[in-house]
Amino acid sequence: MSTQTAEKIYKEVKALRQETKTLKELVFLVLKDREGEYKDSFVKKILKKSRSKPQFIFTNKKDFLNQIS
């Protein structure tokens, strides 16, 4: 095997590795949820809270700070 052939094969393998890495990242990006799965009880609790009447109403920064202090 000549040096030119070896270099050509090396470059092709390097390009294929990069393509494979990119494809894996794309596939796992779609399949993998970085935050994980939420528990059903948590989802139901949050949805119930979102439908209820709010406890506090904030109209400006000062009202917000008074409510949380």
C-alpha atoms as a PDB file:
ATOM      1  CA  MET A   1       0.000   0.000   0.000  1.00  0.00           C
ATOM      2  CA  SER A   2       1.450   3.322  -1.002  1.00  0.00           C
ATOM      3  CA  THR A   3       1.602   6.373   1.243  1.00  0.00           C
ATOM      4  CA  GLN A   4      -0.924   8.211  -0.923  1.00  0.00           C
ATOM      5  CA  THR A   5      -3.406   5.359  -0.663  1.00  0.00           C
ATOM      6  CA  ALA A   6      -2.982   5.183   3.114  1.00  0.00           C
ATOM      7  CA  GLU A   7      -3.503   8.933   3.436  1.00  0.00           C
ATOM      8  CA  LYS A   8      -6.608   8.771   1.250  1.00  0.00           C
ATOM      9  CA  ILE A   9      -8.056   5.951   3.343  1.00  0.00           C
ATOM     10  CA  TYR A  10      -7.217   7.851   6.547  1.00  0.00           C
ATOM     11  CA  LYS A  11      -9.024  10.965   5.288  1.00  0.00           C
ATOM     12  CA  GLU A  12     -12.070   8.946   4.214  1.00  0.00           C
ATOM     13  CA  VAL A  13     -12.254   7.158   7.568  1.00  0.00           C
ATOM     14  CA  LYS A  14     -11.922  10.464   9.389  1.00  0.00           C
ATOM     15  CA  ALA A  15     -14.766  11.956   7.323  1.00  0.00           C
ATOM     16  CA  LEU A  16     -16.931   8.884   7.923  1.00  0.00           C
ATOM     17  CA  ARG A  17     -16.308   9.083  11.672  1.00  0.00           C
ATOM     18  CA  GLN A  18     -17.393  12.734  11.678  1.00  0.00           C
ATOM     19  CA  GLU A  19     -20.532  11.922   9.674  1.00  0.00           C
ATOM     20  CA  THR A  20     -21.358   9.026  11.996  1.00  0.00           C
ATOM     21  CA  LYS A  21     -20.885  11.252  15.039  1.00  0.00           C
ATOM     22  CA  THR A  22     -23.180  13.901  13.567  1.00  0.00           C
ATOM     23  CA  LEU A  23     -25.854  11.342  12.680  1.00  0.00           C
ATOM     24  CA  LYS A  24     -25.725   9.821  16.165  1.00  0.00           C
ATOM     25  CA  GLU A  25     -26.158  13.246  17.738  1.00  0.00           C
ATOM     26  CA  LEU A  26     -29.192  13.930  15.558  1.00  0.00           C
ATOM     27  CA  VAL A  27     -30.808  10.567  16.267  1.00  0.00           C
ATOM     28  CA  PHE A  28     -30.249  10.743  20.014  1.00  0.00           C
ATOM     29  CA  LEU A  29     -31.377  14.365  20.127  1.00  0.00           C
ATOM     30  CA  VAL A  30     -34.783  13.272  18.874  1.00  0.00           C
ATOM     31  CA  LEU A  31     -34.990  10.186  21.078  1.00  0.00           C
ATOM     32  CA  LYS A  32     -33.521  11.626  24.250  1.00  0.00           C
ATOM     33  CA  ASP A  33     -35.290  14.130  26.482  1.00  0.00           C
ATOM     34  CA  ARG A  34     -32.605  16.004  28.439  1.00  0.00           C
ATOM     35  CA  GLU A  35     -34.975  16.856  31.300  1.00  0.00           C
ATOM     36  CA  GLY A  36     -36.298  13.344  31.660  1.00  0.00           C
ATOM     37  CA  GLU A  37     -39.864  12.188  32.051  1.00  0.00           C
ATOM     38  CA  TYR A  38     -42.210  13.960  34.431  1.00  0.00           C
ATOM     39  CA  LYS A  39     -44.247  11.919  36.891  1.00  0.00           C
ATOM     40  CA  ASP A  40     -47.968  11.777  36.143  1.00  0.00           C
ATOM     41  CA  SER A  41     -48.813  12.971  39.649  1.00  0.00           C
ATOM     42  CA  PHE A  42     -46.628  16.053  39.191  1.00  0.00           C
ATOM     43  CA  VAL A  43     -48.205  16.889  35.820  1.00  0.00           C
ATOM     44  CA  LYS A  44     -51.731  16.533  37.220  1.00  0.00           C
ATOM     45  CA  LYS A  45     -50.851  18.707  40.225  1.00  0.00           C
ATOM     46  CA  ILE A  46     -49.381  21.481  38.070  1.00  0.00           C
ATOM     47  CA  LEU A  47     -52.306  21.425  35.637  1.00  0.00           C
ATOM     48  CA  LYS A  48     -54.747  21.638  38.538  1.00  0.00           C
ATOM     49  CA  LYS A  49     -52.846  24.585  40.032  1.00  0.00           C
ATOM     50  CA  SER A  50     -52.764  26.367  36.677  1.00  0.00           C
ATOM     51  CA  ARG A  51     -56.576  26.293  36.474  1.00  0.00           C
ATOM     52  CA  SER A  52     -57.090  27.635  39.991  1.00  0.00           C
ATOM     53  CA  LYS A  53     -57.425  31.290  40.921  1.00  0.00           C
ATOM     54  CA  PRO A  54     -54.030  32.962  41.529  1.00  0.00           C
ATOM     55  CA  GLN A  55     -53.157  33.802  45.119  1.00  0.00           C
ATOM     56  CA  PHE A  56     -51.184  36.922  44.275  1.00  0.00           C
ATOM     57  CA  ILE A  57     -51.527  39.590  41.624  1.00  0.00           C
ATOM     58  CA  PHE A  58     -48.425  41.513  40.647  1.00  0.00           C
ATOM     59  CA  THR A  59     -48.813  44.794  38.831  1.00  0.00           C
ATOM     60  CA  ASN A  60     -45.344  46.206  39.398  1.00  0.00           C
ATOM     61  CA  LYS A  61     -41.977  45.467  41.022  1.00  0.00           C
ATOM     62  CA  LYS A  62     -42.943  46.960  44.372  1.00  0.00           C
ATOM     63  CA  ASP A  63     -46.115  44.840  44.662  1.00  0.00           C
ATOM     64  CA  PHE A  64     -44.106  41.754  43.816  1.00  0.00           C
ATOM     65  CA  LEU A  65     -41.489  42.446  46.483  1.00  0.00           C
ATOM     66  CA  ASN A  66     -44.188  43.169  49.091  1.00  0.00           C
ATOM     67  CA  GLN A  67     -45.982  39.909  48.317  1.00  0.00           C
ATOM     68  CA  ILE A  68     -42.936  37.685  48.546  1.00  0.00           C
ATOM     69  CA  SER A  69     -41.452  39.279  51.655  1.00  0.00           C
END
